[in-house]
Amino acid sequence: MSLFAFAPPSGPRWQLGLQAAIGMAVPIAVMTLLGDPTLGYIAGSGAFTVLFAGAAPVVDRARVLPIVAAALIVSAALGAFAGASSWLVTIGIVVIALVAAGLSFGFRLGPPGPLFFVLVFGLSAQVTGHAAIAPLTYTAAIASGCLFSYVVAMSPLLIRRVRAHPPRPLRELLPGPALDDASRLRLLRVVIVALLGVLIGFFVDPARSYWIVGAAIAVIGVAADRRAAFQRGLHRMLGTVLGVGVYALLALLHPHGLWIALLLGIMQFSVELVVVRHYALALMIITPLVLLLTGAATGQIGSMDVALERVIDTIIGAALGTASGVLHPKEVPATRRD
């Protein structure tokens, strides 16, 4: 995963990118037209549902994605209800990180692993802490977004040859629960970075702990390898710094209304095209995407103070994730990276 070279293509990604883009943009556009764009931004987060099991046949994704959606909804609900208390948010970040990592690794969920469950929890706490929205309303909005994204992901089933593909048993799709040596080490790394991340967050800003922990977990990924940890850490740091620059340029355009929906959709589509080939380039798009999405939902869009905080948080988290890679013995081979 060199900074100066693309990984070989692993197959067509445009279908997954299009599904994610529709899942993100349509709820935002619809709710903007109905006069409540904040609910649209929340529902747009449901697009994270379609990012899982992307390489599996649609008939298999039909069984896996409801489980993913349910986990995202639970994470969002817990974050929304915990948002009023920094202590509950701090404890919740650690709990969600450990449970999500244990289940993701134990049942071999694959890329993108436990990351989005932690981010959804943290984002939910942040939005309900800044915006005048009730936790139940927030949970209902993101549940609607997850349901819509699931319907979008299942749309290829309208094609007969897609429906004809023989489905595999759920136990085969999500084998487990079982942790091999590499998975146990990855889980240990998550434990360490989650605890250190929230501890550092006390000195930086408790409300930002989820981003520190999320950045560390993203570096850990689904690869059991020292070299992979260093490479992903470097990619995440560089990609985030460049992404903040992209966000600053976009903020100068003062996007609003339907333009935000279109912009976020394009960015989500672009991320899915490049994320498996060049992680830093993907982060250069993911960073302004998340900043625009949370900024629009909390009324802080265009805030460079928040953007600079994200750079600091990412550097801290990526450093934690990278350093935790030393727990893996040098001889452990790299596995497929998300």
C-alpha atoms as a PDB file:
ATOM      1  CA  MET A   1       0.000   0.000   0.000  1.00  0.00           C
ATOM      2  CA  SER A   2       2.527   2.571  -1.171  1.00  0.00           C
ATOM      3  CA  LEU A   3       1.829   6.298  -1.075  1.00  0.00           C
ATOM      4  CA  PHE A   4       2.958   6.488  -4.688  1.00  0.00           C
ATOM      5  CA  ALA A   5       1.219   3.481  -6.220  1.00  0.00           C
ATOM      6  CA  PHE A   6      -2.282   2.085  -6.532  1.00  0.00           C
ATOM      7  CA  ALA A   7      -3.097  -1.437  -5.436  1.00  0.00           C
ATOM      8  CA  PRO A   8      -4.325  -3.694  -8.239  1.00  0.00           C
ATOM      9  CA  PRO A   9      -8.123  -3.591  -8.789  1.00  0.00           C
ATOM     10  CA  SER A  10     -10.084  -6.221  -6.891  1.00  0.00           C
ATOM     11  CA  GLY A  11     -13.114  -6.100  -9.168  1.00  0.00           C
ATOM     12  CA  PRO A  12     -15.746  -3.547 -10.196  1.00  0.00           C
ATOM     13  CA  ARG A  13     -16.740  -1.173  -7.403  1.00  0.00           C
ATOM     14  CA  TRP A  14     -19.082   1.203  -9.190  1.00  0.00           C
ATOM     15  CA  GLN A  15     -22.226  -0.699  -8.146  1.00  0.00           C
ATOM     16  CA  LEU A  16     -21.332  -0.438  -4.466  1.00  0.00           C
ATOM     17  CA  GLY A  17     -20.337   3.193  -4.920  1.00  0.00           C
ATOM     18  CA  LEU A  18     -23.615   4.012  -6.647  1.00  0.00           C
ATOM     19  CA  GLN A  19     -25.634   2.327  -3.906  1.00  0.00           C
ATOM     20  CA  ALA A  20     -23.745   4.220  -1.202  1.00  0.00           C
ATOM     21  CA  ALA A  21     -24.159   7.501  -3.094  1.00  0.00           C
ATOM     22  CA  ILE A  22     -27.913   7.015  -3.467  1.00  0.00           C
ATOM     23  CA  GLY A  23     -28.246   5.966   0.166  1.00  0.00           C
ATOM     24  CA  MET A  24     -26.441   9.145   1.209  1.00  0.00           C
ATOM     25  CA  ALA A  25     -27.845  11.738  -1.204  1.00  0.00           C
ATOM     26  CA  VAL A  26     -31.518  10.828  -1.588  1.00  0.00           C
ATOM     27  CA  PRO A  27     -32.553  11.140   2.105  1.00  0.00           C
ATOM     28  CA  ILE A  28     -30.752  14.483   2.321  1.00  0.00           C
ATOM     29  CA  ALA A  29     -32.379  15.758  -0.858  1.00  0.00           C
ATOM     30  CA  VAL A  30     -35.873  14.580   0.111  1.00  0.00           C
ATOM     31  CA  MET A  31     -35.760  16.018   3.627  1.00  0.00           C
ATOM     32  CA  THR A  32     -34.269  19.262   2.328  1.00  0.00           C
ATOM     33  CA  LEU A  33     -37.224  19.633  -0.025  1.00  0.00           C
ATOM     34  CA  LEU A  34     -39.588  18.833   2.873  1.00  0.00           C
ATOM     35  CA  GLY A  35     -37.991  21.558   4.970  1.00  0.00           C
ATOM     36  CA  ASP A  36     -36.104  19.480   7.561  1.00  0.00           C
ATOM     37  CA  PRO A  37     -32.596  18.888   6.178  1.00  0.00           C
ATOM     38  CA  THR A  38     -31.167  17.928   9.596  1.00  0.00           C
ATOM     39  CA  LEU A  39     -33.186  14.708   9.582  1.00  0.00           C
ATOM     40  CA  GLY A  40     -31.885  14.110   6.065  1.00  0.00           C
ATOM     41  CA  TYR A  41     -28.277  14.368   7.174  1.00  0.00           C
ATOM     42  CA  ILE A  42     -28.968  11.885   9.953  1.00  0.00           C
ATOM     43  CA  ALA A  43     -30.783   9.469   7.646  1.00  0.00           C
ATOM     44  CA  GLY A  44     -27.961   9.812   5.115  1.00  0.00           C
ATOM     45  CA  SER A  45     -25.649   8.163   7.646  1.00  0.00           C
ATOM     46  CA  GLY A  46     -27.631   4.986   7.019  1.00  0.00           C
ATOM     47  CA  ALA A  47     -25.663   4.674   3.783  1.00  0.00           C
ATOM     48  CA  PHE A  48     -22.884   3.121   5.859  1.00  0.00           C
ATOM     49  CA  THR A  49     -25.006  -0.040   5.803  1.00  0.00           C
ATOM     50  CA  VAL A  50     -24.181  -0.814   2.183  1.00  0.00           C
ATOM     51  CA  LEU A  51     -20.416  -0.617   2.718  1.00  0.00           C
ATOM     52  CA  PHE A  52     -20.356  -4.085   4.287  1.00  0.00           C
ATOM     53  CA  ALA A  53     -20.094  -7.419   2.462  1.00  0.00           C
ATOM     54  CA  GLY A  54     -19.564  -5.483  -0.744  1.00  0.00           C
ATOM     55  CA  ALA A  55     -17.886  -8.369  -2.571  1.00  0.00           C
ATOM     56  CA  ALA A  56     -20.634 -10.887  -1.740  1.00  0.00           C
ATOM     57  CA  PRO A  57     -23.487 -11.780  -4.112  1.00  0.00           C
ATOM     58  CA  VAL A  58     -26.660  -9.782  -3.525  1.00  0.00           C
ATOM     59  CA  VAL A  59     -28.567 -12.830  -2.263  1.00  0.00           C
ATOM     60  CA  ASP A  60     -25.937 -13.217   0.455  1.00  0.00           C
ATOM     61  CA  ARG A  61     -25.857  -9.517   1.270  1.00  0.00           C
ATOM     62  CA  ALA A  62     -29.609  -9.746   1.800  1.00  0.00           C
ATOM     63  CA  ARG A  63     -28.879 -11.836   4.898  1.00  0.00           C
ATOM     64  CA  VAL A  64     -25.855  -9.978   6.226  1.00  0.00           C
ATOM     65  CA  LEU A  65     -26.881  -6.338   5.815  1.00  0.00           C
ATOM     66  CA  PRO A  66     -29.934  -6.446   8.130  1.00  0.00           C
ATOM     67  CA  ILE A  67     -27.589  -7.531  10.929  1.00  0.00           C
ATOM     68  CA  VAL A  68     -25.217  -4.682  10.074  1.00  0.00           C
ATOM     69  CA  ALA A  69     -28.105  -2.198   9.921  1.00  0.00           C
ATOM     70  CA  ALA A  70     -29.414  -3.353  13.305  1.00  0.00           C
ATOM     71  CA  ALA A  71     -25.961  -2.912  14.842  1.00  0.00           C
ATOM     72  CA  LEU A  72     -25.642   0.584  13.370  1.00  0.00           C
ATOM     73  CA  ILE A  73     -29.074   1.546  14.678  1.00  0.00           C
ATOM     74  CA  VAL A  74     -28.251   0.271  18.170  1.00  0.00           C
ATOM     75  CA  SER A  75     -24.941   2.172  18.091  1.00  0.00           C
ATOM     76  CA  ALA A  76     -26.755   5.336  16.998  1.00  0.00           C
ATOM     77  CA  ALA A  77     -29.453   4.966  19.650  1.00  0.00           C
ATOM     78  CA  LEU A  78     -26.914   4.464  22.424  1.00  0.00           C
ATOM     79  CA  GLY A  79     -24.932   7.476  21.228  1.00  0.00           C
ATOM     80  CA  ALA A  80     -28.041   9.648  20.970  1.00  0.00           C
ATOM     81  CA  PHE A  81     -29.211   8.816  24.490  1.00  0.00           C
ATOM     82  CA  ALA A  82     -25.684   9.155  25.923  1.00  0.00           C
ATOM     83  CA  GLY A  83     -25.015  12.500  24.227  1.00  0.00           C
ATOM     84  CA  ALA A  84     -26.056  14.591  27.235  1.00  0.00           C
ATOM     85  CA  SER A  85     -23.368  13.062  29.460  1.00  0.00           C
ATOM     86  CA  SER A  86     -19.672  13.147  28.615  1.00  0.00           C
ATOM     87  CA  TRP A  87     -19.085  10.263  31.052  1.00  0.00           C
ATOM     88  CA  LEU A  88     -21.675   8.066  29.328  1.00  0.00           C
ATOM     89  CA  VAL A  89     -20.191   8.933  25.946  1.00  0.00           C
ATOM     90  CA  THR A  90     -16.692   8.049  27.150  1.00  0.00           C
ATOM     91  CA  ILE A  91     -17.789   4.721  28.595  1.00  0.00           C
ATOM     92  CA  GLY A  92     -19.907   4.045  25.526  1.00  0.00           C
ATOM     93  CA  ILE A  93     -17.005   4.568  23.127  1.00  0.00           C
ATOM     94  CA  VAL A  94     -14.978   1.886  24.897  1.00  0.00           C
ATOM     95  CA  VAL A  95     -17.904  -0.537  25.133  1.00  0.00           C
ATOM     96  CA  ILE A  96     -18.980  -0.081  21.505  1.00  0.00           C
ATOM     97  CA  ALA A  97     -15.386  -0.441  20.307  1.00  0.00           C
ATOM     98  CA  LEU A  98     -14.865  -3.695  22.209  1.00  0.00           C
ATOM     99  CA  VAL A  99     -18.229  -5.259  21.352  1.00  0.00           C
ATOM    100  CA  ALA A 100     -18.081  -4.208  17.687  1.00  0.00           C
ATOM    101  CA  ALA A 101     -14.501  -5.449  17.312  1.00  0.00           C
ATOM    102  CA  GLY A 102     -15.202  -8.723  19.109  1.00  0.00           C
ATOM    103  CA  LEU A 103     -18.236  -9.478  16.946  1.00  0.00           C
ATOM    104  CA  SER A 104     -16.648  -8.236  13.704  1.00  0.00           C
ATOM    105  CA  PHE A 105     -13.501 -10.315  14.197  1.00  0.00           C
ATOM    106  CA  GLY A 106     -15.272 -13.255  15.795  1.00  0.00           C
ATOM    107  CA  PHE A 107     -17.792 -13.635  12.979  1.00  0.00           C
ATOM    108  CA  ARG A 108     -15.355 -12.569  10.226  1.00  0.00           C
ATOM    109  CA  LEU A 109     -17.512  -9.685   9.069  1.00  0.00           C
ATOM    110  CA  GLY A 110     -14.641  -8.322   6.992  1.00  0.00           C
ATOM    111  CA  PRO A 111     -14.057  -4.755   5.783  1.00  0.00           C
ATOM    112  CA  PRO A 112     -14.693  -2.118   6.986  1.00  0.00           C
ATOM    113  CA  GLY A 113     -14.749  -3.927  10.336  1.00  0.00           C
ATOM    114  CA  PRO A 114     -15.795  -2.235  13.605  1.00  0.00           C
ATOM    115  CA  LEU A 115     -14.949   1.328  12.556  1.00  0.00           C
ATOM    116  CA  PHE A 116     -18.376   2.626  11.533  1.00  0.00           C
ATOM    117  CA  PHE A 117     -20.120   1.376  14.663  1.00  0.00           C
ATOM    118  CA  VAL A 118     -17.767   3.506  16.758  1.00  0.00           C
ATOM    119  CA  LEU A 119     -18.116   6.501  14.444  1.00  0.00           C
ATOM    120  CA  VAL A 120     -21.918   6.269  14.345  1.00  0.00           C
ATOM    121  CA  PHE A 121     -22.026   6.155  18.145  1.00  0.00           C
ATOM    122  CA  GLY A 122     -19.755   9.195  18.421  1.00  0.00           C
ATOM    123  CA  LEU A 123     -21.462  11.161  15.657  1.00  0.00           C
ATOM    124  CA  SER A 124     -24.860  10.473  17.203  1.00  0.00           C
ATOM    125  CA  ALA A 125     -23.700  11.761  20.580  1.00  0.00           C
ATOM    126  CA  GLN A 126     -22.165  14.836  18.935  1.00  0.00           C
ATOM    127  CA  VAL A 127     -25.230  15.713  16.849  1.00  0.00           C
ATOM    128  CA  THR A 128     -27.748  15.279  19.672  1.00  0.00           C
ATOM    129  CA  GLY A 129     -25.446  17.296  21.899  1.00  0.00           C
ATOM    130  CA  HIS A 130     -25.415  20.247  19.479  1.00  0.00           C
ATOM    131  CA  ALA A 131     -28.726  20.057  17.635  1.00  0.00           C
ATOM    132  CA  ALA A 132     -32.185  20.321  19.186  1.00  0.00           C
ATOM    133  CA  ILE A 133     -33.268  16.812  18.300  1.00  0.00           C
ATOM    134  CA  ALA A 134     -34.681  14.163  20.605  1.00  0.00           C
ATOM    135  CA  PRO A 135     -32.826  10.834  20.844  1.00  0.00           C
ATOM    136  CA  LEU A 136     -35.901   8.877  19.706  1.00  0.00           C
ATOM    137  CA  THR A 137     -36.305  11.126  16.670  1.00  0.00           C
ATOM    138  CA  TYR A 138     -32.625  10.740  15.879  1.00  0.00           C
ATOM    139  CA  THR A 139     -32.830   6.955  16.149  1.00  0.00           C
ATOM    140  CA  ALA A 140     -35.934   6.837  13.947  1.00  0.00           C
ATOM    141  CA  ALA A 141     -34.195   8.969  11.308  1.00  0.00           C
ATOM    142  CA  ILE A 142     -31.097   6.820  11.087  1.00  0.00           C
ATOM    143  CA  ALA A 143     -33.213   3.643  11.143  1.00  0.00           C
ATOM    144  CA  SER A 144     -35.128   5.012   8.157  1.00  0.00           C
ATOM    145  CA  GLY A 145     -31.838   5.726   6.399  1.00  0.00           C
ATOM    146  CA  CYS A 146     -30.561   2.214   7.054  1.00  0.00           C
ATOM    147  CA  LEU A 147     -33.810   0.729   5.734  1.00  0.00           C
ATOM    148  CA  PHE A 148     -33.666   2.877   2.608  1.00  0.00           C
ATOM    149  CA  SER A 149     -30.034   1.947   1.968  1.00  0.00           C
ATOM    150  CA  TYR A 150     -30.888  -1.724   2.396  1.00  0.00           C
ATOM    151  CA  VAL A 151     -33.648  -1.429  -0.195  1.00  0.00           C
ATOM    152  CA  VAL A 152     -31.192   0.264  -2.562  1.00  0.00           C
ATOM    153  CA  ALA A 153     -28.621  -2.502  -1.994  1.00  0.00           C
ATOM    154  CA  MET A 154     -31.272  -5.147  -2.752  1.00  0.00           C
ATOM    155  CA  SER A 155     -32.455  -3.466  -5.969  1.00  0.00           C
ATOM    156  CA  PRO A 156     -30.298  -5.772  -8.187  1.00  0.00           C
ATOM    157  CA  LEU A 157     -32.600  -8.619  -7.092  1.00  0.00           C
ATOM    158  CA  LEU A 158     -35.065  -7.268  -9.640  1.00  0.00           C
ATOM    159  CA  ILE A 159     -32.812  -8.938 -12.226  1.00  0.00           C
ATOM    160  CA  ARG A 160     -33.669 -12.614 -12.619  1.00  0.00           C
ATOM    161  CA  ARG A 161     -30.114 -13.895 -12.983  1.00  0.00           C
ATOM    162  CA  VAL A 162     -29.143 -12.108  -9.761  1.00  0.00           C
ATOM    163  CA  ARG A 163     -32.026 -13.730  -7.894  1.00  0.00           C
ATOM    164  CA  ALA A 164     -31.062 -17.112  -9.344  1.00  0.00           C
ATOM    165  CA  HIS A 165     -27.714 -17.146  -7.535  1.00  0.00           C
ATOM    166  CA  PRO A 166     -27.895 -19.838  -4.809  1.00  0.00           C
ATOM    167  CA  PRO A 167     -27.683 -18.225  -1.360  1.00  0.00           C
ATOM    168  CA  ARG A 168     -25.269 -19.505   1.246  1.00  0.00           C
ATOM    169  CA  PRO A 169     -26.313 -20.256   4.837  1.00  0.00           C
ATOM    170  CA  LEU A 170     -25.861 -17.379   7.264  1.00  0.00           C
ATOM    171  CA  ARG A 171     -23.523 -19.524   9.367  1.00  0.00           C
ATOM    172  CA  GLU A 172     -21.253 -19.807   6.344  1.00  0.00           C
ATOM    173  CA  LEU A 173     -21.422 -16.087   5.626  1.00  0.00           C
ATOM    174  CA  LEU A 174     -20.666 -15.174   9.247  1.00  0.00           C
ATOM    175  CA  PRO A 175     -18.778 -18.138  10.654  1.00  0.00           C
ATOM    176  CA  GLY A 176     -18.154 -18.088  14.359  1.00  0.00           C
ATOM    177  CA  PRO A 177     -17.959 -16.961  16.994  1.00  0.00           C
ATOM    178  CA  ALA A 178     -14.282 -17.850  17.001  1.00  0.00           C
ATOM    179  CA  LEU A 179     -11.090 -15.868  17.342  1.00  0.00           C
ATOM    180  CA  ASP A 180      -7.813 -17.141  15.940  1.00  0.00           C
ATOM    181  CA  ASP A 181      -4.466 -15.844  17.209  1.00  0.00           C
ATOM    182  CA  ALA A 182      -4.393 -12.930  14.749  1.00  0.00           C
ATOM    183  CA  SER A 183      -7.955 -11.896  15.621  1.00  0.00           C
ATOM    184  CA  ARG A 184      -7.220 -11.996  19.323  1.00  0.00           C
ATOM    185  CA  LEU A 185      -4.246  -9.729  18.789  1.00  0.00           C
ATOM    186  CA  ARG A 186      -6.351  -7.303  16.764  1.00  0.00           C
ATOM    187  CA  LEU A 187      -8.970  -7.314  19.515  1.00  0.00           C
ATOM    188  CA  LEU A 188      -6.265  -6.637  22.105  1.00  0.00           C
ATOM    189  CA  ARG A 189      -5.077  -3.724  19.994  1.00  0.00           C
ATOM    190  CA  VAL A 190      -8.623  -2.328  19.927  1.00  0.00           C
ATOM    191  CA  VAL A 191      -8.844  -2.630  23.718  1.00  0.00           C
ATOM    192  CA  ILE A 192      -5.575  -0.753  24.137  1.00  0.00           C
ATOM    193  CA  VAL A 193      -6.310   2.063  21.665  1.00  0.00           C
ATOM    194  CA  ALA A 194      -9.869   2.505  22.962  1.00  0.00           C
ATOM    195  CA  LEU A 195      -8.716   2.923  26.561  1.00  0.00           C
ATOM    196  CA  LEU A 196      -5.767   5.145  25.657  1.00  0.00           C
ATOM    197  CA  GLY A 197      -7.881   7.112  23.195  1.00  0.00           C
ATOM    198  CA  VAL A 198     -10.547   8.085  25.729  1.00  0.00           C
ATOM    199  CA  LEU A 199      -7.855   8.781  28.325  1.00  0.00           C
ATOM    200  CA  ILE A 200      -6.150  11.209  25.942  1.00  0.00           C
ATOM    201  CA  GLY A 201      -9.579  12.607  25.124  1.00  0.00           C
ATOM    202  CA  PHE A 202      -9.958  13.749  28.732  1.00  0.00           C
ATOM    203  CA  PHE A 203      -6.977  16.052  28.235  1.00  0.00           C
ATOM    204  CA  VAL A 204      -7.871  17.138  24.702  1.00  0.00           C
ATOM    205  CA  ASP A 205     -11.682  17.208  24.672  1.00  0.00           C
ATOM    206  CA  PRO A 206     -13.922  14.306  25.781  1.00  0.00           C
ATOM    207  CA  ALA A 207     -16.349  15.060  22.957  1.00  0.00           C
ATOM    208  CA  ARG A 208     -13.589  14.263  20.459  1.00  0.00           C
ATOM    209  CA  SER A 209     -12.576  10.905  21.939  1.00  0.00           C
ATOM    210  CA  TYR A 210     -14.631   8.948  19.411  1.00  0.00           C
ATOM    211  CA  TRP A 211     -12.616  10.403  16.539  1.00  0.00           C
ATOM    212  CA  ILE A 212      -9.312   9.511  18.177  1.00  0.00           C
ATOM    213  CA  VAL A 213     -10.483   5.957  18.854  1.00  0.00           C
ATOM    214  CA  GLY A 214     -12.051   5.686  15.391  1.00  0.00           C
ATOM    215  CA  ALA A 215      -8.824   6.760  13.696  1.00  0.00           C
ATOM    216  CA  ALA A 216      -6.883   4.163  15.690  1.00  0.00           C
ATOM    217  CA  ILE A 217      -9.366   1.381  14.860  1.00  0.00           C
ATOM    218  CA  ALA A 218      -9.262   2.364  11.196  1.00  0.00           C
ATOM    219  CA  VAL A 219      -5.498   1.860  11.220  1.00  0.00           C
ATOM    220  CA  ILE A 220      -5.908  -1.544  12.854  1.00  0.00           C
ATOM    221  CA  GLY A 221      -8.424  -2.488  10.156  1.00  0.00           C
ATOM    222  CA  VAL A 222      -8.686  -6.186   9.395  1.00  0.00           C
ATOM    223  CA  ALA A 223      -4.987  -6.779   8.750  1.00  0.00           C
ATOM    224  CA  ALA A 224      -2.682  -8.570  11.203  1.00  0.00           C
ATOM    225  CA  ASP A 225       0.629  -7.122  10.194  1.00  0.00           C
ATOM    226  CA  ARG A 226       3.181  -4.630  11.549  1.00  0.00           C
ATOM    227  CA  ARG A 227       3.948  -3.234   8.121  1.00  0.00           C
ATOM    228  CA  ALA A 228       0.257  -2.819   7.341  1.00  0.00           C
ATOM    229  CA  ALA A 229      -0.215  -0.883  10.597  1.00  0.00           C
ATOM    230  CA  PHE A 230       2.567   1.546   9.697  1.00  0.00           C
ATOM    231  CA  GLN A 231       1.349   2.003   6.138  1.00  0.00           C
ATOM    232  CA  ARG A 232      -2.272   2.539   7.103  1.00  0.00           C
ATOM    233  CA  GLY A 233      -1.244   4.983   9.828  1.00  0.00           C
ATOM    234  CA  LEU A 234       0.819   7.007   7.366  1.00  0.00           C
ATOM    235  CA  HIS A 235      -1.972   6.954   4.781  1.00  0.00           C
ATOM    236  CA  ARG A 236      -4.549   8.055   7.350  1.00  0.00           C
ATOM    237  CA  MET A 237      -2.468  10.968   8.612  1.00  0.00           C
ATOM    238  CA  LEU A 238      -1.589  12.258   5.157  1.00  0.00           C
ATOM    239  CA  GLY A 239      -5.060  11.653   3.724  1.00  0.00           C
ATOM    240  CA  THR A 240      -6.730  13.503   6.600  1.00  0.00           C
ATOM    241  CA  VAL A 241      -4.454  16.528   6.330  1.00  0.00           C
ATOM    242  CA  LEU A 242      -5.077  16.769   2.587  1.00  0.00           C
ATOM    243  CA  GLY A 243      -8.785  16.134   3.162  1.00  0.00           C
ATOM    244  CA  VAL A 244      -9.025  19.114   5.506  1.00  0.00           C
ATOM    245  CA  GLY A 245      -7.547  21.204   2.697  1.00  0.00           C
ATOM    246  CA  VAL A 246     -10.260  19.920   0.359  1.00  0.00           C
ATOM    247  CA  TYR A 247     -12.882  20.730   3.007  1.00  0.00           C
ATOM    248  CA  ALA A 248     -11.540  24.275   3.319  1.00  0.00           C
ATOM    249  CA  LEU A 249     -11.894  24.782  -0.436  1.00  0.00           C
ATOM    250  CA  LEU A 250     -15.410  23.352  -0.465  1.00  0.00           C
ATOM    251  CA  ALA A 251     -16.409  25.496   2.514  1.00  0.00           C
ATOM    252  CA  LEU A 252     -15.517  28.595   0.482  1.00  0.00           C
ATOM    253  CA  LEU A 253     -18.322  27.626  -1.900  1.00  0.00           C
ATOM    254  CA  HIS A 254     -20.841  27.688   0.986  1.00  0.00           C
ATOM    255  CA  PRO A 255     -22.738  24.609  -0.218  1.00  0.00           C
ATOM    256  CA  HIS A 256     -26.314  24.352   0.988  1.00  0.00           C
ATOM    257  CA  GLY A 257     -29.607  22.700   0.183  1.00  0.00           C
ATOM    258  CA  LEU A 258     -29.642  20.224  -2.672  1.00  0.00           C
ATOM    259  CA  TRP A 259     -26.038  21.053  -3.550  1.00  0.00           C
ATOM    260  CA  ILE A 260     -24.889  19.398  -0.322  1.00  0.00           C
ATOM    261  CA  ALA A 261     -26.882  16.278  -1.174  1.00  0.00           C
ATOM    262  CA  LEU A 262     -25.311  16.125  -4.632  1.00  0.00           C
ATOM    263  CA  LEU A 263     -21.812  16.851  -3.341  1.00  0.00           C
ATOM    264  CA  LEU A 264     -21.981  14.205  -0.607  1.00  0.00           C
ATOM    265  CA  GLY A 265     -23.350  11.659  -3.065  1.00  0.00           C
ATOM    266  CA  ILE A 266     -20.498  12.261  -5.497  1.00  0.00           C
ATOM    267  CA  MET A 267     -17.938  12.040  -2.722  1.00  0.00           C
ATOM    268  CA  GLN A 268     -19.406   8.813  -1.334  1.00  0.00           C
ATOM    269  CA  PHE A 269     -19.333   7.277  -4.810  1.00  0.00           C
ATOM    270  CA  SER A 270     -15.711   8.357  -5.301  1.00  0.00           C
ATOM    271  CA  VAL A 271     -14.630   6.903  -1.962  1.00  0.00           C
ATOM    272  CA  GLU A 272     -15.893   3.441  -2.850  1.00  0.00           C
ATOM    273  CA  LEU A 273     -14.022   3.505  -6.152  1.00  0.00           C
ATOM    274  CA  VAL A 274     -10.615   4.212  -4.609  1.00  0.00           C
ATOM    275  CA  VAL A 275     -10.687   2.937  -1.002  1.00  0.00           C
ATOM    276  CA  VAL A 276      -9.358  -0.539  -1.818  1.00  0.00           C
ATOM    277  CA  ARG A 277      -6.686   0.823  -4.162  1.00  0.00           C
ATOM    278  CA  HIS A 278      -5.268   3.868  -2.369  1.00  0.00           C
ATOM    279  CA  TYR A 279      -6.188   4.486   1.279  1.00  0.00           C
ATOM    280  CA  ALA A 280      -4.701   7.989   1.535  1.00  0.00           C
ATOM    281  CA  LEU A 281      -6.622   9.155  -1.535  1.00  0.00           C
ATOM    282  CA  ALA A 282      -9.813   7.695  -0.066  1.00  0.00           C
ATOM    283  CA  LEU A 283      -9.176   9.566   3.209  1.00  0.00           C
ATOM    284  CA  MET A 284      -8.688  12.763   1.256  1.00  0.00           C
ATOM    285  CA  ILE A 285     -12.350  12.349   0.210  1.00  0.00           C
ATOM    286  CA  ILE A 286     -13.750  10.743   3.368  1.00  0.00           C
ATOM    287  CA  THR A 287     -12.491  13.561   5.609  1.00  0.00           C
ATOM    288  CA  PRO A 288     -14.347  16.433   3.904  1.00  0.00           C
ATOM    289  CA  LEU A 289     -17.368  14.139   3.462  1.00  0.00           C
ATOM    290  CA  VAL A 290     -17.672  13.521   7.211  1.00  0.00           C
ATOM    291  CA  LEU A 291     -16.876  17.156   8.044  1.00  0.00           C
ATOM    292  CA  LEU A 292     -19.581  18.384   5.668  1.00  0.00           C
ATOM    293  CA  LEU A 293     -22.098  15.829   6.915  1.00  0.00           C
ATOM    294  CA  THR A 294     -21.582  16.520  10.637  1.00  0.00           C
ATOM    295  CA  GLY A 295     -21.121  20.241  10.065  1.00  0.00           C
ATOM    296  CA  ALA A 296     -24.420  20.473   8.216  1.00  0.00           C
ATOM    297  CA  ALA A 297     -26.205  18.405  10.881  1.00  0.00           C
ATOM    298  CA  THR A 298     -24.869  20.508  13.777  1.00  0.00           C
ATOM    299  CA  GLY A 299     -24.921  23.899  12.052  1.00  0.00           C
ATOM    300  CA  GLN A 300     -21.119  24.172  12.079  1.00  0.00           C
ATOM    301  CA  ILE A 301     -20.460  23.741   8.382  1.00  0.00           C
ATOM    302  CA  GLY A 302     -17.413  25.695   7.278  1.00  0.00           C
ATOM    303  CA  SER A 303     -15.838  25.689  10.738  1.00  0.00           C
ATOM    304  CA  MET A 304     -12.084  25.383  10.296  1.00  0.00           C
ATOM    305  CA  ASP A 305     -11.646  25.027  14.047  1.00  0.00           C
ATOM    306  CA  VAL A 306     -13.473  21.697  13.864  1.00  0.00           C
ATOM    307  CA  ALA A 307     -11.445  20.697  10.796  1.00  0.00           C
ATOM    308  CA  LEU A 308      -8.143  21.384  12.543  1.00  0.00           C
ATOM    309  CA  GLU A 309      -9.337  19.436  15.571  1.00  0.00           C
ATOM    310  CA  ARG A 310      -9.958  16.469  13.284  1.00  0.00           C
ATOM    311  CA  VAL A 311      -6.366  16.660  12.039  1.00  0.00           C
ATOM    312  CA  ILE A 312      -5.028  16.587  15.596  1.00  0.00           C
ATOM    313  CA  ASP A 313      -7.395  13.777  16.602  1.00  0.00           C
ATOM    314  CA  THR A 314      -6.492  11.727  13.534  1.00  0.00           C
ATOM    315  CA  ILE A 315      -2.759  12.098  14.097  1.00  0.00           C
ATOM    316  CA  ILE A 316      -3.159  10.985  17.718  1.00  0.00           C
ATOM    317  CA  GLY A 317      -5.423   8.071  16.820  1.00  0.00           C
ATOM    318  CA  ALA A 318      -3.360   6.955  13.839  1.00  0.00           C
ATOM    319  CA  ALA A 319      -0.216   7.049  15.989  1.00  0.00           C
ATOM    320  CA  LEU A 320      -1.946   4.849  18.584  1.00  0.00           C
ATOM    321  CA  GLY A 321      -3.121   2.389  15.952  1.00  0.00           C
ATOM    322  CA  THR A 322       0.283   2.276  14.323  1.00  0.00           C
ATOM    323  CA  ALA A 323       2.143   1.788  17.611  1.00  0.00           C
ATOM    324  CA  SER A 324      -0.196  -1.045  18.598  1.00  0.00           C
ATOM    325  CA  GLY A 325       0.982  -2.952  15.520  1.00  0.00           C
ATOM    326  CA  VAL A 326       4.164  -3.939  17.360  1.00  0.00           C
ATOM    327  CA  LEU A 327       2.060  -6.520  19.234  1.00  0.00           C
ATOM    328  CA  HIS A 328       1.973  -8.590  16.043  1.00  0.00           C
ATOM    329  CA  PRO A 329       4.989 -10.815  15.452  1.00  0.00           C
ATOM    330  CA  LYS A 330       6.951  -9.895  12.360  1.00  0.00           C
ATOM    331  CA  GLU A 331       6.256 -13.199  10.680  1.00  0.00           C
ATOM    332  CA  VAL A 332       2.451 -12.804  10.650  1.00  0.00           C
ATOM    333  CA  PRO A 333       1.530 -12.406   6.963  1.00  0.00           C
ATOM    334  CA  ALA A 334      -0.661  -9.579   5.791  1.00  0.00           C
ATOM    335  CA  THR A 335      -4.269 -10.396   4.957  1.00  0.00           C
ATOM    336  CA  ARG A 336      -6.592  -8.565   2.660  1.00  0.00           C
ATOM    337  CA  ARG A 337      -6.945  -4.920   3.715  1.00  0.00           C
ATOM    338  CA  ASP A 338     -10.160  -2.968   3.702  1.00  0.00           C
END
